Amino acid sequence: MKIPENRKLFSIKEMSDICGISRASLLRLEADGFLTPYRVNPETGYRYYDMQNVSAIGQYQRLQLIGLSRKEIADVYYERVNSDEFLAELRQKQAQLQRFLSEYELRHDRSKNFSAYYITLPEVTCYCARLKGYSFQEIAVSAYLAHEQCASEGYRLLGSEPLMSVYDDPDVSIDSLERTLCIPVIPRSEEDPKLRHFPQTEALAVLGFGSYEILSELFRRLYDEVEKRKLEPAGAPRLISLIAPYAGAHYRIDEYCSECVIPIKERKM
């Protein structure tokens, strides 16, 4: 496209008004290497912008709206990213957002009790501890102490992923309180027997809202969904504690949000 030489140029104030962005933000985008004014008067330093600059700001604002950082926006706009890696990151963010939306909807719409959906569980490394107890309260305290111990031992916690429990002992029933607590952490370079790696996997999940008394019903619904959808499990079931006692003291027991998940070999459309 050949742009006319007599194109309309805008001052920095006009540009600010047109795009709804402050003068300081325009200068910051220029310093970041994202925006280059069409012309800069070498004597006065006055900047002048054309409609292509205006369009670039529009693209910036669109990418900003979906949550990309300033660096990510510049890299995407100027095609400085690895497309496959960037798409994988976006899909992971999309899955995390969808997961949070399902949780938030369930917590705030009391007419809904359960929600079943497919989910992509991200790759994660966890600090693992065996939990035992004779009541949900004892298990909750045991989980809290294990979480505390993990932090005290100097592990860097991965706050973007919630704690989960894995039922990987075939001799222990799903209804049992015994389980392996898995606390997501930043991986260490050296071998560590307390750490366990979980690869990314497709899974089916059932989300439930309420006290831990609903867990048996949650797992029953999960396996009903597995059978109904003719899915083949590909790993041990997991209980992911989205909102739990250790998530914050202000949450009541009837506000807990739990996700029962089972890895699957193939997602059925």
Protein backbone atom coordinates (compact mmCIF):
# COMPACT_ATOMS: atom_id res chain seq x y z
CA MET A 1 0.00 0.00 0.00
CA LYS A 2 1.45 3.33 -1.06
CA ILE A 3 0.76 6.05 1.51
CA PRO A 4 0.28 9.59 0.14
CA GLU A 5 3.19 11.90 0.90
CA ASN A 6 0.77 14.63 1.95
CA ARG A 7 -0.64 12.46 4.69
CA LYS A 8 -2.21 14.09 7.74
CA LEU A 9 0.20 14.29 10.67
CA PHE A 10 -0.79 14.61 14.32
CA SER A 11 1.01 16.22 17.22
CA ILE A 12 1.68 14.21 20.35
CA LYS A 13 -1.28 15.91 22.04
CA GLU A 14 -3.58 15.07 19.12
CA MET A 15 -2.26 11.51 19.11
CA SER A 16 -2.95 11.26 22.84
CA ASP A 17 -6.53 12.46 22.36
CA ILE A 18 -7.21 10.25 19.32
CA CYS A 19 -5.94 7.06 20.95
CA GLY A 20 -7.00 7.77 24.53
CA ILE A 21 -3.48 7.24 25.78
CA SER A 22 -1.31 9.61 27.80
CA ARG A 23 1.68 11.51 26.43
CA ALA A 24 3.90 9.67 28.92
CA SER A 25 2.63 6.32 27.64
CA LEU A 26 3.38 7.30 24.04
CA LEU A 27 6.93 8.25 24.98
CA ARG A 28 7.33 5.01 26.96
CA LEU A 29 6.20 2.96 23.94
CA GLU A 30 8.74 4.84 21.85
CA ALA A 31 11.49 4.12 24.41
CA ASP A 32 10.47 0.44 24.39
CA GLY A 33 10.98 0.35 20.63
CA PHE A 34 7.33 -0.35 19.88
CA LEU A 35 6.33 3.02 18.40
CA THR A 36 8.34 5.17 15.99
CA PRO A 37 6.84 8.58 15.16
CA TYR A 38 6.55 9.32 11.47
CA ARG A 39 8.68 12.41 11.95
CA VAL A 40 10.65 14.10 14.75
CA ASN A 41 11.72 17.69 14.32
CA PRO A 42 15.47 17.59 15.02
CA GLU A 43 15.50 21.18 16.27
CA THR A 44 12.46 21.21 18.54
CA GLY A 45 12.08 17.50 19.30
CA TYR A 46 8.38 17.77 18.39
CA ARG A 47 6.91 14.46 17.35
CA TYR A 48 4.43 13.92 14.53
CA TYR A 49 2.41 10.77 13.94
CA ASP A 50 0.45 9.37 11.00
CA MET A 51 -2.48 6.96 10.76
CA GLN A 52 -0.17 3.95 10.67
CA ASN A 53 1.05 5.04 14.10
CA VAL A 54 -2.58 5.33 15.20
CA SER A 55 -3.27 1.81 13.93
CA ALA A 56 -0.19 0.48 15.75
CA ILE A 57 -1.53 1.89 19.02
CA GLY A 58 -4.84 0.17 18.31
CA GLN A 59 -3.05 -3.15 17.90
CA TYR A 60 -1.13 -2.50 21.12
CA GLN A 61 -4.36 -1.81 23.02
CA ARG A 62 -6.00 -4.95 21.60
CA LEU A 63 -3.09 -7.15 22.71
CA GLN A 64 -2.94 -5.35 26.05
CA LEU A 65 -6.62 -6.16 26.58
CA ILE A 66 -5.93 -9.91 26.48
CA GLY A 67 -3.29 -9.57 29.18
CA LEU A 68 0.02 -9.55 27.29
CA SER A 69 2.94 -7.68 28.84
CA ARG A 70 4.59 -4.72 27.11
CA LYS A 71 7.49 -6.90 25.95
CA GLU A 72 5.16 -9.65 24.72
CA ILE A 73 3.10 -7.12 22.76
CA ALA A 74 6.19 -5.70 21.03
CA ASP A 75 7.53 -9.19 20.27
CA VAL A 76 4.20 -10.33 18.82
CA TYR A 77 3.66 -7.14 16.82
CA TYR A 78 7.11 -7.31 15.25
CA GLU A 79 6.97 -11.13 14.92
CA ARG A 80 9.90 -11.78 17.23
CA VAL A 81 8.31 -14.81 18.89
CA ASN A 82 8.45 -18.53 18.30
CA SER A 83 4.90 -19.08 17.06
CA ASP A 84 4.54 -22.63 18.38
CA GLU A 85 5.79 -21.70 21.86
CA PHE A 86 3.69 -18.54 21.96
CA LEU A 87 0.53 -20.39 20.92
CA ALA A 88 1.18 -23.02 23.58
CA GLU A 89 1.51 -20.27 26.21
CA LEU A 90 -1.72 -18.63 25.05
CA ARG A 91 -3.60 -21.92 25.15
CA GLN A 92 -2.34 -22.52 28.68
CA LYS A 93 -3.53 -19.05 29.73
CA GLN A 94 -6.87 -19.70 28.04
CA ALA A 95 -7.24 -22.99 29.93
CA GLN A 96 -6.37 -21.32 33.23
CA LEU A 97 -8.89 -18.53 32.58
CA GLN A 98 -11.61 -21.02 31.65
CA ARG A 99 -10.85 -22.97 34.78
CA PHE A 100 -11.15 -19.86 36.93
CA LEU A 101 -14.38 -18.83 35.19
CA SER A 102 -15.92 -22.23 35.94
CA GLU A 103 -14.81 -21.98 39.56
CA TYR A 104 -16.03 -18.42 40.00
CA GLU A 105 -19.38 -19.11 38.35
CA LEU A 106 -19.95 -22.11 40.57
CA ARG A 107 -19.00 -20.24 43.73
CA HIS A 108 -21.31 -17.35 42.99
CA ASP A 109 -24.30 -19.12 41.47
CA ARG A 110 -25.73 -21.26 44.25
CA SER A 111 -28.25 -22.84 41.85
CA LYS A 112 -25.39 -24.84 40.32
CA ASN A 113 -23.69 -27.54 42.35
CA PHE A 114 -21.41 -29.32 39.90
CA SER A 115 -19.77 -28.69 36.57
CA ALA A 116 -18.02 -31.23 34.28
CA TYR A 117 -15.57 -30.24 31.54
CA TYR A 118 -12.36 -31.17 29.75
CA ILE A 119 -9.16 -29.55 30.95
CA THR A 120 -5.50 -29.50 29.99
CA LEU A 121 -3.46 -29.96 33.15
CA PRO A 122 -0.13 -28.13 32.79
CA GLU A 123 3.28 -29.65 33.34
CA VAL A 124 4.21 -29.20 36.98
CA THR A 125 6.79 -30.29 39.56
CA CYS A 126 5.54 -30.91 43.09
CA TYR A 127 6.86 -31.38 46.60
CA CYS A 128 5.08 -34.51 47.82
CA ALA A 129 4.00 -35.60 51.28
CA ARG A 130 1.78 -38.46 52.40
CA LEU A 131 -1.36 -37.37 54.24
CA LYS A 132 -3.09 -39.48 56.87
CA GLY A 133 -5.90 -38.74 59.25
CA TYR A 134 -9.20 -39.93 60.65
CA SER A 135 -11.23 -36.87 59.67
CA PHE A 136 -11.29 -34.13 57.06
CA GLN A 137 -10.16 -31.71 59.76
CA GLU A 138 -7.07 -33.82 60.54
CA ILE A 139 -6.27 -34.12 56.84
CA ALA A 140 -6.64 -30.35 56.40
CA VAL A 141 -4.27 -29.70 59.32
CA SER A 142 -1.82 -32.27 57.94
CA ALA A 143 -1.91 -30.54 54.54
CA TYR A 144 -1.35 -27.14 56.13
CA LEU A 145 1.69 -28.43 58.03
CA ALA A 146 3.12 -30.08 54.91
CA HIS A 147 2.68 -26.81 53.02
CA GLU A 148 4.43 -25.00 55.86
CA GLN A 149 7.26 -27.56 55.90
CA CYS A 150 7.75 -27.19 52.14
CA ALA A 151 8.14 -23.42 52.47
CA SER A 152 10.41 -23.80 55.52
CA GLU A 153 12.76 -26.10 53.60
CA GLY A 154 13.45 -23.35 51.09
CA TYR A 155 11.41 -24.53 48.13
CA ARG A 156 10.10 -21.77 45.86
CA LEU A 157 6.36 -22.25 45.66
CA LEU A 158 4.58 -22.02 42.30
CA GLY A 159 1.58 -19.93 43.27
CA SER A 160 0.00 -20.07 39.83
CA GLU A 161 -0.99 -23.72 40.40
CA PRO A 162 -3.15 -24.89 43.31
CA LEU A 163 -2.30 -27.72 45.68
CA MET A 164 -3.52 -31.15 44.66
CA SER A 165 -3.83 -34.61 46.11
CA VAL A 166 -3.13 -37.75 44.09
CA TYR A 167 -4.82 -41.09 44.79
CA ASP A 168 -2.04 -43.24 43.32
CA ASP A 169 -2.22 -46.15 45.75
CA PRO A 170 -4.36 -48.87 44.11
CA ASP A 171 -5.00 -50.45 47.50
CA VAL A 172 -6.57 -47.28 48.87
CA SER A 173 -10.18 -46.38 48.05
CA ILE A 174 -11.13 -42.98 46.64
CA ASP A 175 -13.31 -42.57 49.75
CA SER A 176 -10.25 -42.99 51.96
CA LEU A 177 -8.70 -39.93 53.55
CA GLU A 178 -5.21 -41.21 52.72
CA ARG A 179 -3.60 -39.50 49.72
CA THR A 180 -0.38 -37.90 48.47
CA LEU A 181 -0.34 -34.12 48.80
CA CYS A 182 1.41 -32.44 45.87
CA ILE A 183 2.56 -28.84 46.33
CA PRO A 184 3.62 -27.13 43.06
CA VAL A 185 7.14 -25.69 43.27
CA ILE A 186 9.81 -24.22 41.00
CA PRO A 187 11.94 -27.24 39.92
CA ARG A 188 15.44 -27.61 41.31
CA SER A 189 18.34 -28.60 39.10
CA GLU A 190 19.53 -31.39 41.37
CA GLU A 191 17.76 -34.68 41.98
CA ASP A 192 15.37 -34.48 44.90
CA PRO A 193 13.40 -37.50 46.20
CA LYS A 194 10.73 -35.20 47.63
CA LEU A 195 9.90 -33.82 44.20
CA ARG A 196 7.70 -35.47 41.59
CA HIS A 197 7.22 -34.39 37.99
CA PHE A 198 3.79 -34.43 36.37
CA PRO A 199 3.78 -34.00 32.57
CA GLN A 200 1.09 -32.01 30.79
CA THR A 201 -2.00 -34.11 30.19
CA GLU A 202 -5.55 -33.96 28.96
CA ALA A 203 -8.11 -34.70 31.66
CA LEU A 204 -11.76 -34.72 32.55
CA ALA A 205 -12.75 -32.65 35.58
CA VAL A 206 -15.79 -32.24 37.78
CA LEU A 207 -15.93 -29.08 39.85
CA GLY A 208 -17.84 -28.93 43.10
CA PHE A 209 -18.66 -26.19 45.58
CA GLY A 210 -19.04 -26.85 49.30
CA SER A 211 -17.39 -28.60 52.22
CA TYR A 212 -15.20 -31.68 51.88
CA GLU A 213 -18.30 -33.81 52.53
CA ILE A 214 -19.10 -33.48 48.80
CA LEU A 215 -15.91 -35.24 47.66
CA SER A 216 -17.44 -38.73 47.45
CA GLU A 217 -20.24 -37.34 45.31
CA LEU A 218 -17.74 -35.43 43.17
CA PHE A 219 -15.70 -38.54 42.41
CA ARG A 220 -18.88 -40.54 41.73
CA ARG A 221 -19.95 -37.93 39.19
CA LEU A 222 -16.46 -37.91 37.67
CA TYR A 223 -16.50 -41.66 37.02
CA ASP A 224 -20.08 -41.47 35.74
CA GLU A 225 -18.90 -38.87 33.22
CA VAL A 226 -15.90 -41.04 32.24
CA GLU A 227 -18.23 -43.96 31.54
CA LYS A 228 -20.85 -41.85 29.75
CA ARG A 229 -18.24 -40.29 27.47
CA LYS A 230 -16.51 -43.63 26.90
CA LEU A 231 -13.13 -42.32 28.03
CA GLU A 232 -10.06 -44.33 28.99
CA PRO A 233 -8.24 -43.11 32.12
CA ALA A 234 -4.51 -42.49 31.71
CA GLY A 235 -3.43 -42.01 35.31
CA ALA A 236 -4.43 -41.80 38.95
CA PRO A 237 -7.31 -39.50 39.92
CA ARG A 238 -6.48 -36.15 41.50
CA LEU A 239 -8.22 -33.79 43.87
CA ILE A 240 -7.29 -30.18 43.16
CA SER A 241 -8.03 -27.76 45.97
CA LEU A 242 -8.95 -24.49 44.27
CA ILE A 243 -10.33 -22.97 47.46
CA ALA A 244 -9.39 -24.77 50.69
CA PRO A 245 -8.64 -23.96 54.36
CA TYR A 246 -5.08 -22.91 53.50
CA ALA A 247 -6.29 -20.63 50.68
CA GLY A 248 -7.32 -17.97 53.19
CA ALA A 249 -8.79 -17.67 56.66
CA HIS A 250 -11.81 -15.71 55.38
CA TYR A 251 -13.21 -18.68 53.43
CA ARG A 252 -15.94 -20.62 55.21
CA ILE A 253 -16.07 -24.40 54.95
CA ASP A 254 -19.14 -24.20 52.69
CA GLU A 255 -17.20 -21.93 50.31
CA TYR A 256 -14.51 -24.47 49.46
CA CYS A 257 -14.15 -25.29 45.76
CA SER A 258 -12.73 -28.68 44.76
CA GLU A 259 -11.91 -30.11 41.35
CA CYS A 260 -11.85 -33.90 40.92
CA VAL A 261 -9.78 -34.75 37.87
CA ILE A 262 -8.70 -37.87 36.00
CA PRO A 263 -6.14 -37.90 33.17
CA ILE A 264 -7.50 -39.42 29.96
CA LYS A 265 -5.90 -40.94 26.85
CA GLU A 266 -8.07 -39.16 24.32
CA ARG A 267 -10.55 -36.33 24.47
CA LYS A 268 -13.95 -37.12 22.94
CA MET A 269 -15.51 -34.25 21.05
